[in-house]
């Protein structure tokens, strides 16, 4: 996941957790098609995609400000 989400900015400073979470959510959004394909055609989602998605879901700390 380190090649997908950078924890530091261009100057080497710590990025805000909200910004990091946006990157994780973007990764999940960009890989949703694998899961849709699996449901529609039965073609398996690669294991690395499944593992990275699990890491991304577990790493997200901020909500979108949605109160349920």
PDB file of N, CA and C in Angstrom:
ATOM      1  N   UNK A   1       0.808  -1.202   0.000  1.00  0.00           N
ATOM      2  CA  UNK A   1       0.000   0.000   0.000  1.00  0.00           C
ATOM      3  C   UNK A   1       0.849   1.264   0.000  1.00  0.00           C
ATOM      4  N   UNK A   2       2.132   1.141   0.268  1.00  0.00           N
ATOM      5  CA  UNK A   2       2.956   2.346   0.339  1.00  0.00           C
ATOM      6  C   UNK A   2       3.083   3.029  -1.017  1.00  0.00           C
ATOM      7  N   UNK A   3       2.927   2.293  -2.107  1.00  0.00           N
ATOM      8  CA  UNK A   3       2.983   2.925  -3.418  1.00  0.00           C
ATOM      9  C   UNK A   3       1.648   3.560  -3.792  1.00  0.00           C
ATOM     10  N   UNK A   4       0.621   3.312  -3.008  1.00  0.00           N
ATOM     11  CA  UNK A   4      -0.706   3.874  -3.270  1.00  0.00           C
ATOM     12  C   UNK A   4      -0.970   5.081  -2.387  1.00  0.00           C
ATOM     13  N   UNK A   5      -0.569   4.996  -1.135  1.00  0.00           N
ATOM     14  CA  UNK A   5      -0.836   6.060  -0.166  1.00  0.00           C
ATOM     15  C   UNK A   5       0.479   6.552   0.419  1.00  0.00           C
ATOM     16  N   UNK A   6       0.709   7.838   0.279  1.00  0.00           N
ATOM     17  CA  UNK A   6       1.904   8.455   0.852  1.00  0.00           C
ATOM     18  C   UNK A   6       1.539   9.112   2.182  1.00  0.00           C
ATOM     19  N   UNK A   7       2.317   8.808   3.204  1.00  0.00           N
ATOM     20  CA  UNK A   7       2.046   9.354   4.529  1.00  0.00           C
ATOM     21  C   UNK A   7       2.692  10.726   4.735  1.00  0.00           C
ATOM     22  N   UNK A   8       3.661  11.054   3.881  1.00  0.00           N
ATOM     23  CA  UNK A   8       4.322  12.359   3.975  1.00  0.00           C
ATOM     24  C   UNK A   8       4.087  13.136   2.683  1.00  0.00           C
ATOM     25  N   UNK A   9       4.190  14.459   2.787  1.00  0.00           N
ATOM     26  CA  UNK A   9       4.011  15.301   1.609  1.00  0.00           C
ATOM     27  C   UNK A   9       5.338  15.492   0.882  1.00  0.00           C
ATOM     28  N   UNK A  10       5.330  16.331  -0.146  1.00  0.00           N
ATOM     29  CA  UNK A  10       6.519  16.553  -0.968  1.00  0.00           C
ATOM     30  C   UNK A  10       7.697  17.112  -0.176  1.00  0.00           C
ATOM     31  N   UNK A  11       7.406  17.820   0.892  1.00  0.00           N
ATOM     32  CA  UNK A  11       8.454  18.431   1.715  1.00  0.00           C
ATOM     33  C   UNK A  11       8.891  17.521   2.863  1.00  0.00           C
ATOM     34  N   UNK A  12       8.271  16.344   2.968  1.00  0.00           N
ATOM     35  CA  UNK A  12       8.637  15.415   4.023  1.00  0.00           C
ATOM     36  C   UNK A  12       7.817  15.536   5.288  1.00  0.00           C
ATOM     37  N   UNK A  13       6.847  16.444   5.286  1.00  0.00           N
ATOM     38  CA  UNK A  13       5.986  16.599   6.461  1.00  0.00           C
ATOM     39  C   UNK A  13       4.867  15.574   6.489  1.00  0.00           C
ATOM     40  N   UNK A  14       4.314  15.371   7.643  1.00  0.00           N
ATOM     41  CA  UNK A  14       3.212  14.429   7.827  1.00  0.00           C
ATOM     42  C   UNK A  14       1.946  14.957   7.171  1.00  0.00           C
ATOM     43  N   UNK A  15       1.299  14.136   6.362  1.00  0.00           N
ATOM     44  CA  UNK A  15       0.023  14.513   5.758  1.00  0.00           C
ATOM     45  C   UNK A  15      -1.100  14.338   6.776  1.00  0.00           C
ATOM     46  N   UNK A  16      -2.142  15.117   6.626  1.00  0.00           N
ATOM     47  CA  UNK A  16      -3.307  15.006   7.502  1.00  0.00           C
ATOM     48  C   UNK A  16      -3.983  13.660   7.289  1.00  0.00           C
ATOM     49  N   UNK A  17      -4.500  13.074   8.374  1.00  0.00           N
ATOM     50  CA  UNK A  17      -5.169  11.775   8.269  1.00  0.00           C
ATOM     51  C   UNK A  17      -6.335  11.840   7.295  1.00  0.00           C
ATOM     52  N   UNK A  18      -7.041  12.952   7.272  1.00  0.00           N
ATOM     53  CA  UNK A  18      -8.168  13.104   6.347  1.00  0.00           C
ATOM     54  C   UNK A  18      -7.697  12.935   4.906  1.00  0.00           C
ATOM     55  N   UNK A  19      -6.555  13.534   4.556  1.00  0.00           N
ATOM     56  CA  UNK A  19      -6.017  13.424   3.199  1.00  0.00           C
ATOM     57  C   UNK A  19      -5.562  12.002   2.889  1.00  0.00           C
ATOM     58  N   UNK A  20      -4.970  11.354   3.863  1.00  0.00           N
ATOM     59  CA  UNK A  20      -4.557   9.959   3.694  1.00  0.00           C
ATOM     60  C   UNK A  20      -5.786   9.087   3.473  1.00  0.00           C
ATOM     61  N   UNK A  21      -6.835   9.334   4.244  1.00  0.00           N
ATOM     62  CA  UNK A  21      -8.075   8.574   4.093  1.00  0.00           C
ATOM     63  C   UNK A  21      -8.694   8.772   2.716  1.00  0.00           C
ATOM     64  N   UNK A  22      -8.592   9.973   2.179  1.00  0.00           N
ATOM     65  CA  UNK A  22      -9.092  10.224   0.827  1.00  0.00           C
ATOM     66  C   UNK A  22      -8.363   9.331  -0.174  1.00  0.00           C
ATOM     67  N   UNK A  23      -7.052   9.190  -0.016  1.00  0.00           N
ATOM     68  CA  UNK A  23      -6.285   8.313  -0.913  1.00  0.00           C
ATOM     69  C   UNK A  23      -6.737   6.860  -0.787  1.00  0.00           C
ATOM     70  N   UNK A  24      -6.969   6.408   0.432  1.00  0.00           N
ATOM     71  CA  UNK A  24      -7.463   5.040   0.635  1.00  0.00           C
ATOM     72  C   UNK A  24      -8.830   4.857  -0.023  1.00  0.00           C
ATOM     73  N   UNK A  25      -9.704   5.831   0.163  1.00  0.00           N
ATOM     74  CA  UNK A  25     -11.037   5.747  -0.447  1.00  0.00           C
ATOM     75  C   UNK A  25     -10.950   5.777  -1.967  1.00  0.00           C
ATOM     76  N   UNK A  26     -10.034   6.552  -2.496  1.00  0.00           N
ATOM     77  CA  UNK A  26      -9.830   6.591  -3.951  1.00  0.00           C
ATOM     78  C   UNK A  26      -9.392   5.222  -4.451  1.00  0.00           C
ATOM     79  N   UNK A  27      -8.466   4.582  -3.738  1.00  0.00           N
ATOM     80  CA  UNK A  27      -8.031   3.236  -4.111  1.00  0.00           C
ATOM     81  C   UNK A  27      -9.216   2.272  -4.103  1.00  0.00           C
ATOM     82  N   UNK A  28     -10.037   2.317  -3.070  1.00  0.00           N
ATOM     83  CA  UNK A  28     -11.202   1.446  -3.012  1.00  0.00           C
ATOM     84  C   UNK A  28     -12.133   1.709  -4.189  1.00  0.00           C
ATOM     85  N   UNK A  29     -12.347   2.969  -4.493  1.00  0.00           N
ATOM     86  CA  UNK A  29     -13.213   3.326  -5.619  1.00  0.00           C
ATOM     87  C   UNK A  29     -12.652   2.810  -6.943  1.00  0.00           C
ATOM     88  N   UNK A  30     -11.350   2.934  -7.121  1.00  0.00           N
ATOM     89  CA  UNK A  30     -10.719   2.522  -8.371  1.00  0.00           C
ATOM     90  C   UNK A  30     -10.663   1.008  -8.544  1.00  0.00           C
ATOM     91  N   UNK A  31     -10.802   0.267  -7.464  1.00  0.00           N
ATOM     92  CA  UNK A  31     -10.745  -1.193  -7.559  1.00  0.00           C
ATOM     93  C   UNK A  31     -12.109  -1.849  -7.361  1.00  0.00           C
ATOM     94  N   UNK A  32     -13.156  -1.050  -7.222  1.00  0.00           N
ATOM     95  CA  UNK A  32     -14.503  -1.606  -7.086  1.00  0.00           C
ATOM     96  C   UNK A  32     -14.865  -2.500  -8.265  1.00  0.00           C
ATOM     97  N   UNK A  33     -14.382  -2.163  -9.454  1.00  0.00           N
ATOM     98  CA  UNK A  33     -14.756  -2.914 -10.649  1.00  0.00           C
ATOM     99  C   UNK A  33     -14.339  -4.379 -10.566  1.00  0.00           C
ATOM    100  N   UNK A  34     -13.254  -4.672  -9.847  1.00  0.00           N
ATOM    101  CA  UNK A  34     -12.849  -6.067  -9.689  1.00  0.00           C
ATOM    102  C   UNK A  34     -13.952  -6.871  -8.991  1.00  0.00           C
ATOM    103  N   UNK A  35     -14.530  -6.286  -7.952  1.00  0.00           N
ATOM    104  CA  UNK A  35     -15.567  -6.971  -7.188  1.00  0.00           C
ATOM    105  C   UNK A  35     -16.855  -7.082  -7.986  1.00  0.00           C
ATOM    106  N   UNK A  36     -17.163  -6.058  -8.759  1.00  0.00           N
ATOM    107  CA  UNK A  36     -18.348  -6.108  -9.620  1.00  0.00           C
ATOM    108  C   UNK A  36     -18.167  -7.184 -10.677  1.00  0.00           C
ATOM    109  N   UNK A  37     -16.984  -7.231 -11.281  1.00  0.00           N
ATOM    110  CA  UNK A  37     -16.688  -8.256 -12.282  1.00  0.00           C
ATOM    111  C   UNK A  37     -16.828  -9.648 -11.682  1.00  0.00           C
ATOM    112  N   UNK A  38     -16.319  -9.818 -10.459  1.00  0.00           N
ATOM    113  CA  UNK A  38     -16.409 -11.130  -9.812  1.00  0.00           C
ATOM    114  C   UNK A  38     -17.868 -11.537  -9.598  1.00  0.00           C
ATOM    115  N   UNK A  39     -18.689 -10.584  -9.180  1.00  0.00           N
ATOM    116  CA  UNK A  39     -20.103 -10.869  -8.961  1.00  0.00           C
ATOM    117  C   UNK A  39     -20.831 -11.180 -10.266  1.00  0.00           C
ATOM    118  N   UNK A  40     -20.493 -10.449 -11.328  1.00  0.00           N
ATOM    119  CA  UNK A  40     -21.214 -10.596 -12.589  1.00  0.00           C
ATOM    120  C   UNK A  40     -20.732 -11.768 -13.434  1.00  0.00           C
ATOM    121  N   UNK A  41     -19.419 -12.064 -13.401  1.00  0.00           N
ATOM    122  CA  UNK A  41     -18.879 -13.078 -14.304  1.00  0.00           C
ATOM    123  C   UNK A  41     -18.287 -14.280 -13.596  1.00  0.00           C
ATOM    124  N   UNK A  42     -18.008 -14.133 -12.305  1.00  0.00           N
ATOM    125  CA  UNK A  42     -17.380 -15.219 -11.569  1.00  0.00           C
ATOM    126  C   UNK A  42     -15.864 -15.212 -11.659  1.00  0.00           C
ATOM    127  N   UNK A  43     -15.289 -14.303 -12.441  1.00  0.00           N
ATOM    128  CA  UNK A  43     -13.830 -14.210 -12.524  1.00  0.00           C
ATOM    129  C   UNK A  43     -13.295 -13.657 -11.210  1.00  0.00           C
ATOM    130  N   UNK A  44     -12.359 -14.375 -10.628  1.00  0.00           N
ATOM    131  CA  UNK A  44     -11.846 -14.038  -9.309  1.00  0.00           C
ATOM    132  C   UNK A  44     -11.081 -12.712  -9.286  1.00  0.00           C
ATOM    133  N   UNK A  45     -11.260 -11.975  -8.199  1.00  0.00           N
ATOM    134  CA  UNK A  45     -10.467 -10.780  -7.936  1.00  0.00           C
ATOM    135  C   UNK A  45      -9.088 -11.234  -7.479  1.00  0.00           C
ATOM    136  N   UNK A  46      -8.008 -10.644  -8.036  1.00  0.00           N
ATOM    137  CA  UNK A  46      -6.662 -11.043  -7.601  1.00  0.00           C
ATOM    138  C   UNK A  46      -6.492 -10.884  -6.090  1.00  0.00           C
ATOM    139  N   UNK A  47      -5.745 -11.811  -5.496  1.00  0.00           N
ATOM    140  CA  UNK A  47      -5.546 -11.807  -4.044  1.00  0.00           C
ATOM    141  C   UNK A  47      -4.899 -10.525  -3.544  1.00  0.00           C
ATOM    142  N   UNK A  48      -3.957  -9.959  -4.310  1.00  0.00           N
ATOM    143  CA  UNK A  48      -3.304  -8.732  -3.851  1.00  0.00           C
ATOM    144  C   UNK A  48      -4.289  -7.572  -3.787  1.00  0.00           C
ATOM    145  N   UNK A  49      -5.250  -7.538  -4.695  1.00  0.00           N
ATOM    146  CA  UNK A  49      -6.271  -6.490  -4.665  1.00  0.00           C
ATOM    147  C   UNK A  49      -7.146  -6.670  -3.427  1.00  0.00           C
ATOM    148  N   UNK A  50      -7.545  -7.905  -3.153  1.00  0.00           N
ATOM    149  CA  UNK A  50      -8.360  -8.165  -1.965  1.00  0.00           C
ATOM    150  C   UNK A  50      -7.617  -7.785  -0.688  1.00  0.00           C
ATOM    151  N   UNK A  51      -6.345  -8.138  -0.630  1.00  0.00           N
ATOM    152  CA  UNK A  51      -5.550  -7.821   0.561  1.00  0.00           C
ATOM    153  C   UNK A  51      -5.374  -6.317   0.718  1.00  0.00           C
ATOM    154  N   UNK A  52      -5.066  -5.624  -0.374  1.00  0.00           N
ATOM    155  CA  UNK A  52      -4.891  -4.172  -0.308  1.00  0.00           C
ATOM    156  C   UNK A  52      -6.189  -3.464   0.065  1.00  0.00           C
ATOM    157  N   UNK A  53      -7.311  -3.957  -0.432  1.00  0.00           N
ATOM    158  CA  UNK A  53      -8.594  -3.364  -0.074  1.00  0.00           C
ATOM    159  C   UNK A  53      -8.882  -3.542   1.418  1.00  0.00           C
ATOM    160  N   UNK A  54      -8.545  -4.705   1.953  1.00  0.00           N
ATOM    161  CA  UNK A  54      -8.738  -4.946   3.388  1.00  0.00           C
ATOM    162  C   UNK A  54      -7.868  -3.994   4.210  1.00  0.00           C
ATOM    163  N   UNK A  55      -6.627  -3.798   3.775  1.00  0.00           N
ATOM    164  CA  UNK A  55      -5.730  -2.863   4.457  1.00  0.00           C
ATOM    165  C   UNK A  55      -6.307  -1.451   4.398  1.00  0.00           C
ATOM    166  N   UNK A  56      -6.783  -1.043   3.230  1.00  0.00           N
ATOM    167  CA  UNK A  56      -7.337   0.302   3.068  1.00  0.00           C
ATOM    168  C   UNK A  56      -8.553   0.504   3.962  1.00  0.00           C
ATOM    169  N   UNK A  57      -9.463  -0.460   3.972  1.00  0.00           N
ATOM    170  CA  UNK A  57     -10.664  -0.330   4.817  1.00  0.00           C
ATOM    171  C   UNK A  57     -10.286  -0.216   6.293  1.00  0.00           C
ATOM    172  N   UNK A  58      -9.316  -1.008   6.717  1.00  0.00           N
ATOM    173  CA  UNK A  58      -8.900  -0.978   8.130  1.00  0.00           C
ATOM    174  C   UNK A  58      -8.180   0.320   8.489  1.00  0.00           C
ATOM    175  N   UNK A  59      -7.519   0.937   7.518  1.00  0.00           N
ATOM    176  CA  UNK A  59      -6.705   2.126   7.787  1.00  0.00           C
ATOM    177  C   UNK A  59      -7.504   3.415   7.819  1.00  0.00           C
ATOM    178  N   UNK A  60      -8.670   3.425   7.207  1.00  0.00           N
ATOM    179  CA  UNK A  60      -9.474   4.652   7.157  1.00  0.00           C
ATOM    180  C   UNK A  60      -9.933   4.994   8.566  1.00  0.00           C
ATOM    181  N   UNK A  61      -9.634   6.238   8.984  1.00  0.00           N
ATOM    182  CA  UNK A  61      -9.965   6.669  10.339  1.00  0.00           C
ATOM    183  C   UNK A  61     -11.002   7.776  10.384  1.00  0.00           C
ATOM    184  N   UNK A  62     -11.085   8.561   9.338  1.00  0.00           N
ATOM    185  CA  UNK A  62     -12.008   9.691   9.370  1.00  0.00           C
ATOM    186  C   UNK A  62     -13.288   9.358   8.619  1.00  0.00           C
ATOM    187  N   UNK A  63     -14.382   9.895   9.120  1.00  0.00           N
ATOM    188  CA  UNK A  63     -15.653   9.728   8.416  1.00  0.00           C
ATOM    189  C   UNK A  63     -15.813  10.896   7.461  1.00  0.00           C
ATOM    190  N   UNK A  64     -16.829  10.830   6.679  1.00  0.00           N
ATOM    191  CA  UNK A  64     -17.131  11.951   5.792  1.00  0.00           C
ATOM    192  C   UNK A  64     -17.993  12.983   6.488  1.00  0.00           C
ATOM    193  N   UNK A  65     -18.011  12.930   7.800  1.00  0.00           N
ATOM    194  CA  UNK A  65     -18.829  13.869   8.550  1.00  0.00           C
ATOM    195  C   UNK A  65     -20.283  13.446   8.579  1.00  0.00           C
ATOM    196  N   UNK A  66     -20.547  12.189   8.253  1.00  0.00           N
ATOM    197  CA  UNK A  66     -21.906  11.686   8.219  1.00  0.00           C
ATOM    198  C   UNK A  66     -22.283  11.196   9.618  1.00  0.00           C
ATOM    199  N   UNK A  67     -23.359  11.704  10.126  1.00  0.00           N
ATOM    200  CA  UNK A  67     -23.874  11.282  11.426  1.00  0.00           C
ATOM    201  C   UNK A  67     -25.004  10.305  11.181  1.00  0.00           C
ATOM    202  N   UNK A  68     -24.876   9.092  11.663  1.00  0.00           N
ATOM    203  CA  UNK A  68     -25.956   8.098  11.500  1.00  0.00           C
ATOM    204  C   UNK A  68     -26.752   7.960  12.751  1.00  0.00           C
TER     205      UNK A  68
END
